[in-house]
Structures are given as C-alpha cells and as structure tokens.
Amino acid sequence: MGSGGEASGRCGAKCSPFFSSSSSSPCPCRTAMCVGKCSRIVGPCLLVLGTLSMAASILLLFPGGASKYLLEGHISSHARAVPGVWGGGIAVLLAATHVTALGWQRSGCSGCGARHSAFLSVVLSKLALLGAAACFVLCGVGLTNGPLCFYNTSEPGLGHTALWGYPFLDAIDQGPDARAENYLYNRRAWSICLEPEGIVTWHVVLFSLLLLISVAEMVLALLQILNGCLGCLCGFCDGK
C-alpha cells in the first residue's frame, strides 16, 4: 500500500501544476474509464476500416483482377487517384494505431503522459476525419461519373465506332430526364461497356463500398475527437 501511494505521488509530481492529479481531476474515475474503453473500441474499428479502404481502392486499379488495363492507362481518373489509400487508408490508420495503443494504455494515475497522448489522438483523429471526407467526395464523384471503358458510340462525322471513354458521364447534364438516364438507375445501360468485362459492376460495388467505409470512418473519427477531448480533461484510470 505504501509503495503504491509513493508511485502515485511520484507520478503526480512529474506533472506540471496545470496537469497535476490534485488540481485537474474535474471528472470522476468512471468517466476516465469510459474514455479508455471507448478508445479500445474505436481504435480497432478504424484499423479494420482503414485496411478495407486501402484494399477496395487498390482493387479498383485491377478490373476483374487484370493488370493490363492499369499498364495501358485505361483506368478512370478517380480510381487512379486511389482516395481509399491516402484518404480513407493511411490517414485513418495513423489515427487508429495511436488510438488503439492509447486505449490499452495502463497508467497508475491520470498523468501528463496520458493527457498528452489523448491530445495527440484528437489531432490524428482530425486528420483521419479530413482524409475520410476527401475519400467520400472523390468516391462520390467517381461513382457518379461512371467507369472508363471501351464502348460503342455514334458521333457526327465518325459514324459508328468504338473507343475508350466515359459513356455515362454526360447523362447527368441532359435535362430533366437525366436522372432516368443515369446508369445508376438504368442497369440495362451497363451492357454498353464492352471492355473490361464486368467493369460497371466492379466500379459501382467498390466505389459504393468506399463510400460506406468513409462514412463509418468519419463517424468514428468524430467520436474519437470528442473522446480524446474528454481524455485531455479527465485522463485515464486503471480500470481495476
């Protein structure tokens, strides 16, 4: 008992007056325990979502599992931007790694180290929130524009020919009936793409998955920002 009290005293003595356990404990230990438990849930969830985001974004570069379209440059611009790698992936994984470590941190008292770690988790979570938001925007535009594919077209002066392009891109700007003509609402139009095989389904499924992942990441990042702010105020309890 004496050694435990001495350790707690040493821990408090290392902190500045602003962060000392005697002067900055506005929250009960139960709240501090909830902060740690929340981090132990949010961190691993962000790790899983960040990994899935990177995997989905990389798969967009290989339609049907083939690499030749990437080598030939026949990949849509938004897929080449790989928003799920740098936005929904790396930025989120940086925060997720720190939040996971923070959640499993054990400290004898709510000292400066725990509070500084909580503050860093807020900063990294804000970065993750921005990255996930950027991924959401780019994936939304990519889904709306449709895939780059080899398709048949009829243009004045060219006659009936096949070329690489975005066959669904102009459907949005064709007037009040554009919604009905949009490929997302007209699956029969998907057959216009001749190559890569099944590119429209590949494009829609993966970009839709990235949208859902980025939304979940934004929610969790925002939750961790609030949780980290509580951690800055309350610190962490041992939970025993």
Protein backbone atom coordinates (compact mmCIF):
# COMPACT_ATOMS: atom_id res chain seq x y z
CA MET A 1 0.00 0.00 0.00
CA GLY A 2 2.84 2.35 0.88
CA SER A 3 4.68 1.68 -2.37
CA GLY A 4 1.52 2.27 -4.36
CA GLY A 5 0.99 5.64 -2.67
CA GLU A 6 4.59 6.61 -3.29
CA ALA A 7 4.30 5.67 -7.00
CA SER A 8 1.15 7.74 -7.34
CA GLY A 9 2.85 10.64 -5.63
CA ARG A 10 5.85 10.44 -7.94
CA CYS A 11 3.57 10.32 -10.96
CA GLY A 12 1.73 13.43 -9.84
CA ALA A 13 5.00 15.19 -9.04
CA LYS A 14 6.24 14.73 -12.60
CA CYS A 15 3.29 16.64 -14.00
CA SER A 16 3.10 20.38 -14.33
CA PRO A 17 0.74 22.22 -11.95
CA PHE A 18 -1.82 22.54 -14.72
CA PHE A 19 -1.95 18.78 -15.23
CA SER A 20 -1.37 17.63 -11.65
CA SER A 21 -3.73 14.98 -10.38
CA SER A 22 -4.68 17.09 -7.39
CA SER A 23 -5.65 20.20 -9.36
CA SER A 24 -7.01 18.81 -12.63
CA SER A 25 -9.39 15.99 -11.79
CA PRO A 26 -12.74 17.53 -12.70
CA CYS A 27 -14.07 14.15 -13.88
CA PRO A 28 -14.74 11.03 -11.83
CA CYS A 29 -12.69 7.92 -12.46
CA ARG A 30 -15.72 6.22 -14.02
CA THR A 31 -15.72 8.82 -16.82
CA ALA A 32 -11.98 8.34 -17.33
CA MET A 33 -12.52 4.58 -17.58
CA CYS A 34 -15.20 5.15 -20.23
CA VAL A 35 -12.69 7.23 -22.23
CA GLY A 36 -10.25 4.32 -22.26
CA LYS A 37 -12.92 1.76 -23.13
CA CYS A 38 -14.18 3.90 -26.00
CA SER A 39 -10.65 4.14 -27.41
CA ARG A 40 -10.29 0.36 -27.21
CA ILE A 41 -13.39 0.03 -29.40
CA VAL A 42 -12.84 2.90 -31.84
CA GLY A 43 -9.16 2.12 -32.50
CA PRO A 44 -9.54 -1.47 -33.78
CA CYS A 45 -12.66 -0.50 -35.77
CA LEU A 46 -10.68 2.23 -37.54
CA LEU A 47 -7.86 -0.25 -38.18
CA VAL A 48 -10.26 -2.63 -39.92
CA LEU A 49 -11.99 0.13 -41.91
CA GLY A 50 -8.69 1.69 -42.99
CA THR A 51 -7.41 -1.68 -44.20
CA LEU A 52 -10.64 -2.38 -46.12
CA SER A 53 -10.50 1.08 -47.67
CA MET A 54 -6.98 0.51 -48.98
CA ALA A 55 -7.90 -2.93 -50.33
CA ALA A 56 -11.00 -1.64 -52.16
CA SER A 57 -9.10 1.30 -53.65
CA ILE A 58 -6.30 -0.96 -54.90
CA LEU A 59 -8.80 -3.40 -56.41
CA LEU A 60 -10.24 -0.53 -58.47
CA LEU A 61 -6.91 -0.42 -60.31
CA PHE A 62 -7.31 -4.03 -61.44
CA PRO A 63 -10.74 -4.52 -63.07
CA GLY A 64 -11.65 -8.18 -62.95
CA GLY A 65 -8.25 -8.89 -61.42
CA ALA A 66 -6.41 -7.95 -64.64
CA SER A 67 -3.38 -5.67 -64.58
CA LYS A 68 -3.17 -4.86 -68.30
CA TYR A 69 -5.70 -2.01 -68.10
CA LEU A 70 -3.60 -0.25 -65.48
CA LEU A 71 -0.47 -0.72 -67.58
CA GLU A 72 -2.29 0.62 -70.67
CA GLY A 73 -3.69 3.61 -68.76
CA HIS A 74 -7.31 2.53 -69.18
CA ILE A 75 -8.33 3.23 -65.58
CA SER A 76 -10.69 6.04 -64.58
CA SER A 77 -9.09 9.16 -63.14
CA HIS A 78 -10.81 8.82 -59.77
CA ALA A 79 -9.69 5.21 -59.44
CA ARG A 80 -6.11 6.24 -60.27
CA ALA A 81 -6.30 8.88 -57.53
CA VAL A 82 -6.64 5.99 -55.00
CA PRO A 83 -8.52 8.07 -52.39
CA GLY A 84 -9.06 4.96 -50.32
CA VAL A 85 -5.29 4.56 -49.91
CA TRP A 86 -4.19 8.01 -48.76
CA GLY A 87 -7.53 9.36 -47.51
CA GLY A 88 -9.52 6.51 -46.06
CA GLY A 89 -6.41 4.38 -45.56
CA ILE A 90 -3.12 5.91 -44.40
CA ALA A 91 -4.63 8.96 -42.68
CA VAL A 92 -7.10 6.75 -40.81
CA LEU A 93 -4.57 4.04 -39.94
CA LEU A 94 -2.24 6.60 -38.36
CA ALA A 95 -5.02 7.67 -36.02
CA ALA A 96 -6.23 4.10 -35.50
CA THR A 97 -2.80 2.86 -34.41
CA HIS A 98 -2.39 5.63 -31.86
CA VAL A 99 -5.97 5.36 -30.57
CA THR A 100 -5.64 1.59 -30.14
CA ALA A 101 -2.40 1.99 -28.20
CA LEU A 102 -3.98 4.76 -26.13
CA GLY A 103 -6.99 2.62 -25.28
CA TRP A 104 -4.85 -0.19 -23.89
CA GLN A 105 -2.51 2.16 -22.05
CA ARG A 106 -2.22 1.42 -18.34
CA SER A 107 -1.26 4.21 -16.02
CA GLY A 108 -1.19 4.35 -12.22
CA CYS A 109 -2.63 7.85 -12.34
CA SER A 110 -4.10 10.34 -14.78
CA GLY A 111 -0.76 11.98 -15.50
CA CYS A 112 0.65 14.27 -18.16
CA GLY A 113 1.63 11.41 -20.48
CA ALA A 114 -1.93 10.12 -20.76
CA ARG A 115 -3.31 13.61 -21.35
CA HIS A 116 -0.73 14.43 -23.98
CA SER A 117 -1.47 11.12 -25.72
CA ALA A 118 -5.18 11.95 -25.63
CA PHE A 119 -4.45 15.35 -27.19
CA LEU A 120 -2.38 13.70 -29.93
CA SER A 121 -5.27 11.32 -30.60
CA VAL A 122 -7.52 14.35 -31.17
CA VAL A 123 -5.07 15.79 -33.71
CA LEU A 124 -4.68 12.48 -35.56
CA SER A 125 -8.44 11.88 -35.47
CA LYS A 126 -9.00 15.26 -37.12
CA LEU A 127 -6.54 14.22 -39.83
CA ALA A 128 -8.45 10.95 -40.24
CA LEU A 129 -11.72 12.88 -40.45
CA LEU A 130 -10.33 15.07 -43.24
CA GLY A 131 -8.91 12.07 -45.08
CA ALA A 132 -12.18 10.13 -44.87
CA ALA A 133 -14.13 13.21 -46.02
CA ALA A 134 -11.83 13.64 -49.02
CA CYS A 135 -12.25 9.95 -49.85
CA PHE A 136 -16.03 10.30 -49.61
CA VAL A 137 -16.11 13.27 -52.01
CA LEU A 138 -13.79 11.74 -54.61
CA CYS A 139 -15.54 8.37 -54.49
CA GLY A 140 -18.93 10.07 -54.83
CA VAL A 141 -17.78 11.91 -57.94
CA GLY A 142 -16.18 8.76 -59.32
CA LEU A 143 -19.35 6.76 -58.78
CA THR A 144 -21.48 9.45 -60.43
CA ASN A 145 -19.22 9.78 -63.48
CA GLY A 146 -19.06 6.06 -64.08
CA PRO A 147 -16.19 3.89 -65.26
CA LEU A 148 -13.74 4.35 -68.10
CA CYS A 149 -14.44 1.59 -70.59
CA PHE A 150 -14.27 0.55 -74.24
CA TYR A 151 -17.73 1.16 -75.69
CA ASN A 152 -19.64 1.66 -78.91
CA THR A 153 -20.60 5.19 -79.84
CA SER A 154 -22.19 7.10 -82.70
CA GLU A 155 -20.90 10.61 -83.27
CA PRO A 156 -21.39 13.02 -86.17
CA GLY A 157 -18.52 12.68 -88.60
CA LEU A 158 -17.24 9.50 -87.00
CA GLY A 159 -20.13 7.17 -87.64
CA HIS A 160 -20.45 4.02 -85.57
CA THR A 161 -17.19 3.35 -83.80
CA ALA A 162 -15.77 2.00 -80.55
CA LEU A 163 -13.47 3.94 -78.27
CA TRP A 164 -12.25 4.33 -74.70
CA GLY A 165 -14.16 6.88 -72.68
CA TYR A 166 -16.82 7.62 -70.07
CA PRO A 167 -20.13 6.61 -71.69
CA PHE A 168 -22.23 7.65 -68.68
CA LEU A 169 -20.55 10.94 -67.86
CA ASP A 170 -22.78 13.24 -69.94
CA ALA A 171 -26.07 11.66 -68.87
CA ILE A 172 -26.29 13.93 -65.81
CA ASP A 173 -26.40 17.15 -67.88
CA GLN A 174 -29.07 16.14 -70.36
CA GLY A 175 -32.04 17.94 -68.81
CA PRO A 176 -34.94 16.97 -66.54
CA ASP A 177 -34.88 13.34 -67.66
CA ALA A 178 -31.21 12.91 -66.83
CA ARG A 179 -31.97 11.02 -63.61
CA ALA A 180 -33.81 8.35 -65.55
CA GLU A 181 -30.90 8.10 -67.99
CA ASN A 182 -28.22 7.91 -65.31
CA TYR A 183 -26.61 4.48 -65.40
CA LEU A 184 -27.10 4.04 -61.65
CA TYR A 185 -30.88 3.95 -62.26
CA ASN A 186 -30.75 2.03 -65.53
CA ARG A 187 -28.86 -1.24 -65.24
CA ARG A 188 -29.79 -2.18 -68.80
CA ALA A 189 -27.40 0.52 -69.98
CA TRP A 190 -24.46 -1.21 -68.31
CA SER A 191 -24.02 -3.52 -71.28
CA ILE A 192 -22.72 -0.60 -73.37
CA CYS A 193 -19.26 -1.21 -71.90
CA LEU A 194 -17.51 -3.91 -73.90
CA GLU A 195 -14.21 -3.98 -72.06
CA PRO A 196 -13.07 -4.61 -69.31
CA GLU A 197 -15.64 -7.33 -68.76
CA GLY A 198 -17.98 -6.51 -65.90
CA ILE A 199 -16.33 -3.12 -65.34
CA VAL A 200 -19.57 -1.33 -64.42
CA THR A 201 -20.42 -3.77 -61.64
CA TRP A 202 -16.81 -3.69 -60.44
CA HIS A 203 -16.83 0.10 -60.44
CA VAL A 204 -20.19 0.51 -58.69
CA VAL A 205 -19.61 -2.10 -55.99
CA LEU A 206 -16.13 -0.92 -54.98
CA PHE A 207 -16.90 2.81 -55.08
CA SER A 208 -20.11 2.22 -53.11
CA LEU A 209 -18.12 0.19 -50.57
CA LEU A 210 -15.61 3.04 -50.27
CA LEU A 211 -18.44 5.49 -49.68
CA LEU A 212 -19.86 3.38 -46.86
CA ILE A 213 -16.43 2.87 -45.32
CA SER A 214 -15.60 6.58 -45.44
CA VAL A 215 -18.90 7.47 -43.76
CA ALA A 216 -18.19 4.99 -40.96
CA GLU A 217 -14.66 6.36 -40.62
CA MET A 218 -15.92 9.92 -40.33
CA VAL A 219 -18.39 8.93 -37.61
CA LEU A 220 -15.74 7.06 -35.63
CA ALA A 221 -13.13 9.80 -36.09
CA LEU A 222 -15.61 12.40 -34.83
CA LEU A 223 -16.43 10.16 -31.87
CA GLN A 224 -12.74 9.81 -31.04
CA ILE A 225 -12.24 13.59 -31.27
CA LEU A 226 -14.90 14.02 -28.57
CA ASN A 227 -13.49 11.08 -26.61
CA GLY A 228 -9.97 12.48 -26.82
CA CYS A 229 -11.14 15.85 -25.55
CA LEU A 230 -12.62 14.08 -22.52
CA GLY A 231 -9.31 12.27 -22.11
CA CYS A 232 -7.48 15.60 -22.06
CA LEU A 233 -9.72 16.74 -19.21
CA CYS A 234 -10.22 13.53 -17.27
CA GLY A 235 -7.16 11.44 -18.02
CA PHE A 236 -7.37 7.64 -17.75
CA CYS A 237 -8.00 5.31 -14.84
CA ASP A 238 -6.50 1.89 -14.45
CA GLY A 239 -9.93 0.30 -14.58
CA LYS A 240 -9.17 -2.33 -11.93
